[in-house]
N, C-alpha and C. Protein backbone atom coordinates (compact mmCIF):
# COMPACT_ATOMS: atom_id res chain seq x y z
N UNK A 1 -42.51 -186.45 -32.53
CA UNK A 1 -41.93 -186.65 -33.78
C UNK A 1 -42.47 -187.77 -34.64
N UNK A 2 -42.80 -187.64 -35.98
CA UNK A 2 -43.29 -188.69 -36.64
C UNK A 2 -42.33 -189.79 -36.77
N UNK A 3 -42.70 -191.17 -37.14
CA UNK A 3 -41.81 -192.17 -37.36
C UNK A 3 -40.86 -191.84 -38.58
N UNK A 4 -41.26 -191.21 -39.64
CA UNK A 4 -40.36 -190.80 -40.98
C UNK A 4 -39.57 -189.70 -40.41
N UNK A 5 -39.68 -189.06 -39.61
CA UNK A 5 -38.94 -187.97 -39.12
C UNK A 5 -37.79 -188.64 -38.32
N UNK A 6 -38.14 -189.50 -37.33
CA UNK A 6 -37.23 -190.12 -36.65
C UNK A 6 -36.07 -190.74 -37.48
N UNK A 7 -36.69 -191.79 -38.45
CA UNK A 7 -35.98 -192.45 -39.51
C UNK A 7 -34.95 -191.58 -40.31
N UNK A 8 -35.71 -190.37 -40.52
CA UNK A 8 -34.98 -189.34 -41.39
C UNK A 8 -33.39 -188.85 -40.39
N UNK A 9 -33.63 -188.65 -39.09
CA UNK A 9 -32.68 -188.48 -37.99
C UNK A 9 -31.57 -189.56 -37.93
N UNK A 10 -32.37 -190.90 -37.88
CA UNK A 10 -31.61 -192.09 -37.51
C UNK A 10 -30.62 -192.69 -38.63
N UNK A 11 -31.32 -192.84 -39.98
CA UNK A 11 -30.55 -193.20 -40.88
C UNK A 11 -29.28 -192.76 -41.28
N UNK A 12 -29.04 -191.50 -41.36
CA UNK A 12 -27.65 -191.00 -41.71
C UNK A 12 -26.81 -191.20 -40.53
N UNK A 13 -27.15 -191.30 -39.15
CA UNK A 13 -26.27 -191.72 -38.27
C UNK A 13 -25.66 -193.18 -38.57
N UNK A 14 -26.62 -194.19 -38.85
CA UNK A 14 -26.37 -195.46 -39.35
C UNK A 14 -25.04 -195.44 -40.48
N UNK A 15 -25.44 -194.75 -41.21
CA UNK A 15 -24.32 -194.54 -42.49
C UNK A 15 -23.01 -193.91 -42.12
N UNK A 16 -23.25 -192.99 -41.04
CA UNK A 16 -22.12 -192.34 -40.77
C UNK A 16 -21.13 -193.28 -39.94
N UNK A 17 -21.80 -194.16 -39.06
CA UNK A 17 -20.95 -195.04 -38.47
C UNK A 17 -20.48 -196.29 -39.57
N UNK A 18 -21.41 -196.76 -40.27
CA UNK A 18 -20.80 -197.89 -41.29
C UNK A 18 -19.63 -197.48 -42.32
N UNK A 19 -20.05 -196.42 -42.81
CA UNK A 19 -19.22 -195.90 -44.31
C UNK A 19 -17.70 -196.30 -43.61
N UNK A 20 -17.02 -195.29 -42.92
CA UNK A 20 -15.72 -195.36 -42.43
C UNK A 20 -15.17 -196.87 -42.16
N UNK A 21 -16.14 -197.51 -41.51
CA UNK A 21 -15.82 -199.00 -40.91
C UNK A 21 -15.51 -199.62 -42.45
N UNK A 22 -16.42 -199.67 -43.39
CA UNK A 22 -16.43 -200.65 -44.47
C UNK A 22 -15.50 -199.89 -45.52
N UNK A 23 -15.36 -198.85 -45.78
CA UNK A 23 -14.82 -198.13 -47.05
C UNK A 23 -13.23 -197.56 -46.50
N UNK A 24 -13.25 -197.43 -45.07
CA UNK A 24 -11.86 -197.13 -44.73
C UNK A 24 -11.31 -196.29 -45.31
N UNK A 25 -9.97 -196.45 -45.83
CA UNK A 25 -9.15 -195.49 -46.56
C UNK A 25 -9.25 -195.80 -48.23
N UNK A 26 -10.23 -196.53 -48.40
CA UNK A 26 -10.52 -196.93 -49.94
C UNK A 26 -10.97 -195.82 -50.46
N UNK A 27 -10.58 -195.61 -51.68
CA UNK A 27 -10.91 -194.27 -52.44
C UNK A 27 -12.21 -194.66 -53.35
N UNK A 28 -13.55 -194.93 -52.53
CA UNK A 28 -14.60 -195.34 -53.22
C UNK A 28 -15.81 -194.70 -52.54
N UNK A 29 -16.84 -194.19 -53.14
CA UNK A 29 -18.15 -193.69 -52.67
C UNK A 29 -19.14 -194.91 -52.48
N UNK A 30 -20.11 -194.79 -51.83
CA UNK A 30 -21.42 -195.86 -51.61
C UNK A 30 -21.70 -196.09 -53.03
N UNK A 31 -22.05 -195.08 -53.81
CA UNK A 31 -22.78 -195.45 -55.32
C UNK A 31 -21.74 -196.26 -56.02
N UNK A 32 -20.33 -195.96 -55.90
CA UNK A 32 -19.26 -196.63 -56.70
C UNK A 32 -19.45 -198.17 -56.43
N UNK A 33 -19.64 -198.20 -55.19
CA UNK A 33 -19.61 -199.77 -54.25
C UNK A 33 -20.83 -200.32 -54.82
N UNK A 34 -21.91 -199.56 -55.02
CA UNK A 34 -23.17 -200.36 -55.37
C UNK A 34 -22.91 -200.77 -56.68
N UNK A 35 -22.37 -199.99 -57.55
CA UNK A 35 -22.30 -200.14 -59.13
C UNK A 35 -21.30 -201.26 -59.21
N UNK A 36 -20.21 -201.32 -58.40
CA UNK A 36 -19.23 -202.42 -58.64
C UNK A 36 -19.98 -203.89 -58.36
N UNK A 37 -20.96 -203.75 -57.20
CA UNK A 37 -21.46 -205.05 -56.80
C UNK A 37 -22.37 -205.39 -57.90
N UNK A 38 -23.23 -204.52 -58.68
CA UNK A 38 -23.93 -204.80 -59.68
C UNK A 38 -23.26 -205.49 -60.93
N UNK A 39 -22.22 -204.62 -61.37
CA UNK A 39 -21.16 -205.21 -62.24
C UNK A 39 -20.56 -206.71 -61.88
N UNK A 40 -20.42 -206.82 -60.75
CA UNK A 40 -19.63 -208.01 -60.20
C UNK A 40 -20.65 -209.18 -60.45
N UNK A 41 -22.07 -209.24 -60.53
CA UNK A 41 -22.97 -210.25 -60.67
C UNK A 41 -23.00 -210.74 -62.00
N UNK A 42 -22.37 -210.13 -62.97
CA UNK A 42 -22.31 -210.32 -64.26
C UNK A 42 -22.34 -209.43 -65.40
N UNK A 43 -21.78 -209.52 -66.54
CA UNK A 43 -21.55 -208.30 -67.31
C UNK A 43 -23.03 -207.55 -67.39
N UNK A 44 -22.78 -206.28 -67.43
CA UNK A 44 -24.20 -205.42 -67.43
C UNK A 44 -23.45 -204.31 -68.56
N UNK A 45 -24.69 -203.63 -69.00
CA UNK A 45 -24.33 -202.67 -70.01
C UNK A 45 -24.61 -201.26 -69.33
N UNK A 46 -23.94 -200.19 -69.99
CA UNK A 46 -23.95 -198.99 -69.16
C UNK A 46 -25.24 -198.47 -68.81
N UNK A 47 -26.31 -198.67 -69.90
CA UNK A 47 -27.77 -198.47 -69.63
C UNK A 47 -28.31 -199.10 -68.67
N UNK A 48 -28.01 -200.45 -68.37
CA UNK A 48 -28.51 -200.97 -67.06
C UNK A 48 -28.06 -200.61 -66.00
N UNK A 49 -26.89 -200.13 -65.78
CA UNK A 49 -26.19 -199.59 -64.82
C UNK A 49 -27.07 -198.38 -64.49
N UNK A 50 -27.27 -197.51 -65.39
CA UNK A 50 -28.06 -196.30 -65.34
C UNK A 50 -29.15 -196.42 -64.79
N UNK A 51 -30.16 -197.38 -65.02
CA UNK A 51 -31.51 -197.74 -64.58
C UNK A 51 -31.24 -198.19 -63.38
N UNK A 52 -30.45 -199.09 -62.91
CA UNK A 52 -30.16 -199.58 -61.64
C UNK A 52 -29.91 -198.45 -60.47
N UNK A 53 -29.42 -197.51 -60.78
CA UNK A 53 -29.01 -196.28 -59.84
C UNK A 53 -29.85 -195.19 -60.29
N UNK A 54 -30.85 -195.31 -61.06
CA UNK A 54 -31.71 -194.29 -61.22
C UNK A 54 -31.14 -193.05 -61.53
N UNK A 55 -30.31 -193.16 -62.34
CA UNK A 55 -29.34 -191.91 -62.85
C UNK A 55 -29.38 -191.71 -64.38
N UNK A 56 -29.28 -190.54 -65.09
CA UNK A 56 -29.30 -190.24 -66.49
C UNK A 56 -28.08 -190.92 -66.97
N UNK A 57 -28.28 -191.45 -68.21
CA UNK A 57 -27.15 -192.19 -68.96
C UNK A 57 -25.73 -191.20 -69.02
N UNK A 58 -25.87 -189.99 -69.11
CA UNK A 58 -24.33 -189.42 -69.25
C UNK A 58 -23.71 -189.33 -67.57
N UNK A 59 -24.67 -189.29 -66.65
CA UNK A 59 -24.14 -189.19 -65.17
C UNK A 59 -23.31 -190.53 -65.14
N UNK A 60 -24.30 -191.81 -65.44
CA UNK A 60 -23.61 -192.79 -65.10
C UNK A 60 -22.47 -193.37 -65.86
N UNK A 61 -22.53 -192.68 -67.12
CA UNK A 61 -21.20 -192.89 -67.88
C UNK A 61 -19.98 -192.18 -67.26
N UNK A 62 -20.09 -191.02 -66.68
CA UNK A 62 -19.01 -190.32 -65.95
C UNK A 62 -18.61 -191.27 -64.72
N UNK A 63 -19.67 -191.83 -64.13
CA UNK A 63 -19.23 -192.43 -62.73
C UNK A 63 -18.42 -193.73 -63.13
N UNK A 64 -18.92 -194.28 -64.17
CA UNK A 64 -18.06 -195.60 -64.96
C UNK A 64 -16.71 -195.14 -65.30
N UNK A 65 -16.65 -194.07 -65.81
CA UNK A 65 -15.23 -193.71 -66.31
C UNK A 65 -14.46 -193.53 -65.18
N UNK A 66 -15.00 -193.04 -64.31
CA UNK A 66 -13.93 -192.86 -62.87
C UNK A 66 -13.63 -194.12 -62.35
N UNK A 67 -14.48 -195.05 -62.48
CA UNK A 67 -14.14 -196.36 -61.92
C UNK A 67 -13.13 -197.32 -63.03
N UNK A 68 -13.36 -196.85 -64.21
CA UNK A 68 -12.56 -197.66 -65.20
C UNK A 68 -11.18 -197.01 -65.15
N UNK A 69 -10.97 -195.70 -64.81
CA UNK A 69 -9.55 -194.98 -64.61
C UNK A 69 -9.04 -195.70 -63.39
N UNK A 70 -9.85 -196.12 -62.26
CA UNK A 70 -9.04 -196.79 -61.14
C UNK A 70 -8.71 -198.09 -61.36
N UNK A 71 -9.17 -198.75 -62.46
CA UNK A 71 -8.85 -199.97 -62.69
C UNK A 71 -9.64 -201.11 -62.40
N UNK A 72 -10.76 -200.73 -61.69
CA UNK A 72 -11.74 -201.78 -61.40
C UNK A 72 -12.57 -202.35 -62.17
N UNK A 73 -12.88 -201.61 -63.46
CA UNK A 73 -13.97 -202.20 -64.63
C UNK A 73 -13.28 -202.11 -65.90
N UNK A 74 -13.56 -202.97 -66.68
CA UNK A 74 -13.36 -203.00 -68.12
C UNK A 74 -14.49 -202.65 -68.82
N UNK A 75 -14.60 -201.87 -69.76
CA UNK A 75 -15.55 -201.58 -70.68
C UNK A 75 -15.35 -201.97 -72.06
N UNK A 76 -16.22 -202.68 -72.72
CA UNK A 76 -16.00 -203.10 -74.02
C UNK A 76 -17.27 -202.91 -75.02
N UNK A 77 -16.96 -202.67 -76.14
CA UNK A 77 -18.11 -202.18 -77.12
C UNK A 77 -18.76 -203.50 -77.59
N UNK A 78 -20.18 -203.50 -77.62
CA UNK A 78 -20.77 -204.56 -78.24
C UNK A 78 -20.48 -205.05 -79.58
N UNK A 79 -20.29 -206.26 -80.06
CA UNK A 79 -19.77 -206.51 -81.53
C UNK A 79 -21.21 -206.17 -82.37
N UNK A 80 -22.07 -206.43 -81.92
CA UNK A 80 -23.25 -205.99 -82.84
C UNK A 80 -23.84 -204.72 -82.84
N UNK A 81 -23.74 -203.78 -81.73
CA UNK A 81 -24.36 -202.59 -81.63
C UNK A 81 -23.18 -201.80 -81.04
N UNK A 82 -22.82 -200.86 -81.74
CA UNK A 82 -21.78 -200.19 -81.64
C UNK A 82 -21.93 -198.92 -80.42
N UNK A 83 -23.38 -198.78 -80.16
CA UNK A 83 -23.85 -197.99 -79.04
C UNK A 83 -23.88 -198.62 -77.69
N UNK A 84 -23.75 -199.62 -77.63
CA UNK A 84 -23.80 -200.52 -76.38
C UNK A 84 -22.44 -201.14 -76.02
N UNK A 85 -22.13 -200.46 -74.51
CA UNK A 85 -20.98 -200.94 -73.84
C UNK A 85 -21.28 -201.92 -72.80
N UNK A 86 -20.53 -203.17 -72.56
CA UNK A 86 -20.45 -204.07 -71.77
C UNK A 86 -19.52 -203.69 -70.49
N UNK A 87 -20.00 -204.03 -69.15
CA UNK A 87 -18.87 -203.66 -68.17
C UNK A 87 -18.79 -204.95 -67.34
N UNK A 88 -17.47 -205.11 -66.97
CA UNK A 88 -17.06 -206.41 -66.06
C UNK A 88 -16.19 -205.94 -65.33
N UNK A 89 -16.09 -206.63 -64.00
CA UNK A 89 -14.79 -206.32 -63.07
C UNK A 89 -13.60 -206.86 -63.62
N UNK A 90 -12.42 -205.75 -63.48
CA UNK A 90 -10.97 -206.45 -63.66
C UNK A 90 -10.75 -207.65 -62.51
N UNK A 91 -9.60 -208.02 -62.72
CA UNK A 91 -9.06 -209.03 -61.59
C UNK A 91 -8.91 -207.92 -60.13
N UNK A 92 -8.30 -206.74 -60.45
CA UNK A 92 -8.23 -205.87 -59.42
C UNK A 92 -9.44 -205.40 -58.76
N UNK A 93 -10.63 -205.31 -59.53
CA UNK A 93 -11.88 -205.02 -59.04
C UNK A 93 -12.49 -206.03 -58.24
N UNK A 94 -12.23 -207.16 -58.63
CA UNK A 94 -12.68 -208.31 -58.01
C UNK A 94 -12.20 -208.62 -56.58
N UNK A 95 -10.85 -208.33 -56.72
CA UNK A 95 -10.07 -208.44 -55.10
C UNK A 95 -10.57 -207.10 -54.57
N UNK A 96 -10.68 -205.89 -54.98
CA UNK A 96 -11.16 -204.95 -54.32
C UNK A 96 -12.51 -205.19 -53.63
N UNK A 97 -13.43 -205.67 -54.40
CA UNK A 97 -14.70 -205.85 -53.99
C UNK A 97 -14.72 -207.13 -52.97
N UNK A 98 -14.03 -208.07 -53.07
CA UNK A 98 -13.96 -208.94 -52.04
C UNK A 98 -13.49 -208.73 -50.61
N UNK A 99 -12.44 -207.86 -50.66
CA UNK A 99 -11.93 -207.15 -49.45
C UNK A 99 -13.26 -206.26 -48.76
N UNK A 100 -13.79 -205.29 -49.60
CA UNK A 100 -14.97 -204.51 -49.06
C UNK A 100 -16.05 -205.30 -48.68
N UNK A 101 -16.24 -206.49 -49.43
CA UNK A 101 -17.31 -207.33 -48.99
C UNK A 101 -17.19 -207.93 -47.64
N UNK A 102 -16.08 -208.29 -47.45
CA UNK A 102 -15.48 -208.82 -46.15
C UNK A 102 -15.71 -207.77 -44.95
N UNK A 103 -15.30 -206.70 -45.15
CA UNK A 103 -15.45 -205.52 -44.52
C UNK A 103 -16.70 -205.20 -43.97
N UNK A 104 -17.71 -205.20 -44.84
CA UNK A 104 -19.04 -204.72 -45.06
C UNK A 104 -19.84 -206.20 -44.02
N UNK A 105 -19.51 -207.33 -44.32
CA UNK A 105 -20.17 -208.22 -43.60
C UNK A 105 -19.69 -208.24 -41.93
N UNK A 106 -18.36 -207.96 -41.89
CA UNK A 106 -17.94 -207.95 -40.39
C UNK A 106 -18.55 -206.74 -39.57
N UNK A 107 -18.63 -205.53 -40.27
CA UNK A 107 -19.40 -204.56 -39.73
C UNK A 107 -20.88 -204.90 -39.12
N UNK A 108 -21.55 -205.38 -40.16
CA UNK A 108 -22.82 -205.73 -40.08
C UNK A 108 -23.06 -206.87 -39.02
N UNK A 109 -22.35 -207.93 -39.16
CA UNK A 109 -22.19 -208.88 -38.07
C UNK A 109 -22.06 -208.29 -36.50
N UNK A 110 -21.01 -207.20 -36.59
CA UNK A 110 -20.75 -206.84 -35.22
C UNK A 110 -21.76 -206.05 -34.68
N UNK A 111 -22.65 -205.52 -35.65
CA UNK A 111 -23.70 -204.64 -35.12
C UNK A 111 -25.00 -205.54 -34.57
N UNK A 112 -25.07 -206.81 -35.56
CA UNK A 112 -26.21 -207.53 -35.17
C UNK A 112 -25.81 -208.25 -33.88
N UNK A 113 -24.43 -208.81 -33.62
CA UNK A 113 -24.19 -209.62 -32.58
C UNK A 113 -24.74 -208.99 -31.12
N UNK A 114 -24.97 -207.73 -31.33
CA UNK A 114 -25.24 -206.81 -29.99
C UNK A 114 -26.73 -207.04 -29.69
N UNK A 115 -27.47 -207.61 -30.82
CA UNK A 115 -29.03 -207.56 -30.74
C UNK A 115 -29.53 -208.93 -30.66
N UNK A 116 -30.68 -208.99 -29.98
CA UNK A 116 -31.51 -210.36 -29.76
C UNK A 116 -31.80 -210.91 -31.02
N UNK A 117 -31.90 -212.22 -31.42
CA UNK A 117 -32.58 -212.50 -32.57
C UNK A 117 -33.86 -211.94 -32.95
N UNK A 118 -34.77 -211.76 -31.98
CA UNK A 118 -36.01 -210.85 -32.21
C UNK A 118 -35.75 -209.56 -32.79
N UNK A 119 -34.60 -208.90 -32.29
CA UNK A 119 -34.49 -207.46 -32.79
C UNK A 119 -33.81 -207.74 -34.06
N UNK A 120 -32.79 -208.57 -34.36
CA UNK A 120 -32.37 -208.53 -35.83
C UNK A 120 -33.43 -208.82 -36.56
N UNK A 121 -34.49 -209.79 -36.23
CA UNK A 121 -35.51 -210.13 -37.29
C UNK A 121 -36.40 -208.94 -37.54
N UNK A 122 -36.54 -208.13 -36.52
CA UNK A 122 -37.37 -207.04 -36.56
C UNK A 122 -36.63 -205.90 -37.65
N UNK A 123 -35.43 -205.79 -37.53
CA UNK A 123 -34.48 -204.99 -38.54
C UNK A 123 -34.72 -205.22 -39.88
N UNK A 124 -34.57 -206.64 -40.07
CA UNK A 124 -34.57 -207.14 -41.36
C UNK A 124 -36.12 -206.75 -41.91
N UNK A 125 -37.04 -207.33 -41.11
CA UNK A 125 -38.42 -206.97 -41.73
C UNK A 125 -38.83 -205.47 -42.13
N UNK A 126 -37.96 -204.58 -41.11
CA UNK A 126 -38.51 -203.10 -41.41
C UNK A 126 -37.80 -202.78 -42.77
N UNK A 127 -36.59 -203.11 -42.97
CA UNK A 127 -35.84 -202.90 -44.08
C UNK A 127 -36.60 -203.39 -45.40
N UNK A 128 -37.18 -204.65 -45.23
CA UNK A 128 -37.91 -205.40 -46.56
C UNK A 128 -39.20 -204.50 -46.87
N UNK A 129 -39.88 -203.76 -45.68
CA UNK A 129 -40.98 -203.11 -45.69
C UNK A 129 -40.35 -201.80 -46.50
N UNK A 130 -39.42 -201.27 -46.07
CA UNK A 130 -38.88 -199.92 -46.73
C UNK A 130 -38.65 -200.21 -48.13
N UNK A 131 -38.01 -201.27 -48.53
CA UNK A 131 -37.70 -201.44 -50.01
C UNK A 131 -38.93 -202.01 -50.63
N UNK A 132 -39.96 -202.41 -49.99
CA UNK A 132 -41.36 -202.73 -50.64
C UNK A 132 -41.99 -201.39 -51.00
N UNK A 133 -41.89 -200.42 -50.00
CA UNK A 133 -42.48 -199.21 -50.23
C UNK A 133 -41.68 -198.25 -51.30
N UNK A 134 -40.52 -198.54 -51.76
CA UNK A 134 -39.80 -197.75 -52.80
C UNK A 134 -40.12 -198.42 -53.84
N UNK A 135 -40.48 -199.74 -54.12
CA UNK A 135 -40.74 -200.07 -55.55
C UNK A 135 -41.96 -199.32 -56.20
N UNK A 136 -41.93 -199.37 -57.52
CA UNK A 136 -42.91 -198.67 -58.21
C UNK A 136 -43.91 -199.60 -58.94
N UNK A 137 -43.81 -201.04 -58.24
CA UNK A 137 -44.88 -202.09 -58.72
C UNK A 137 -46.12 -201.70 -58.21
């Protein structure tokens, strides 16, 4: 088996393990979590979200609408350009993300506690290499 094939088999197993422990009974997808993290770093536009998640603008707008309905984000129109909408977390969205962030940190810490320092460093280095291979630069 080639390394990429082994990775292809192993990565979903990691996500199957981590997902329920992080999201629990929360009604959220991994993509919604990622978008909320981006929005939480400061006001962003719908277009910026679309670029971040590598999605077409209509699909990103539908995703954002679902999160807006859940009360996690607030969308407001730009004062100077009516085509632009700014997104920010509501107070409910911030609380929700804090809770999920603590869960995520706890799950990752539990996984890493079972590994040596060298193994932990190897994982981090490997993920950085993967991310670098995904960049278009």
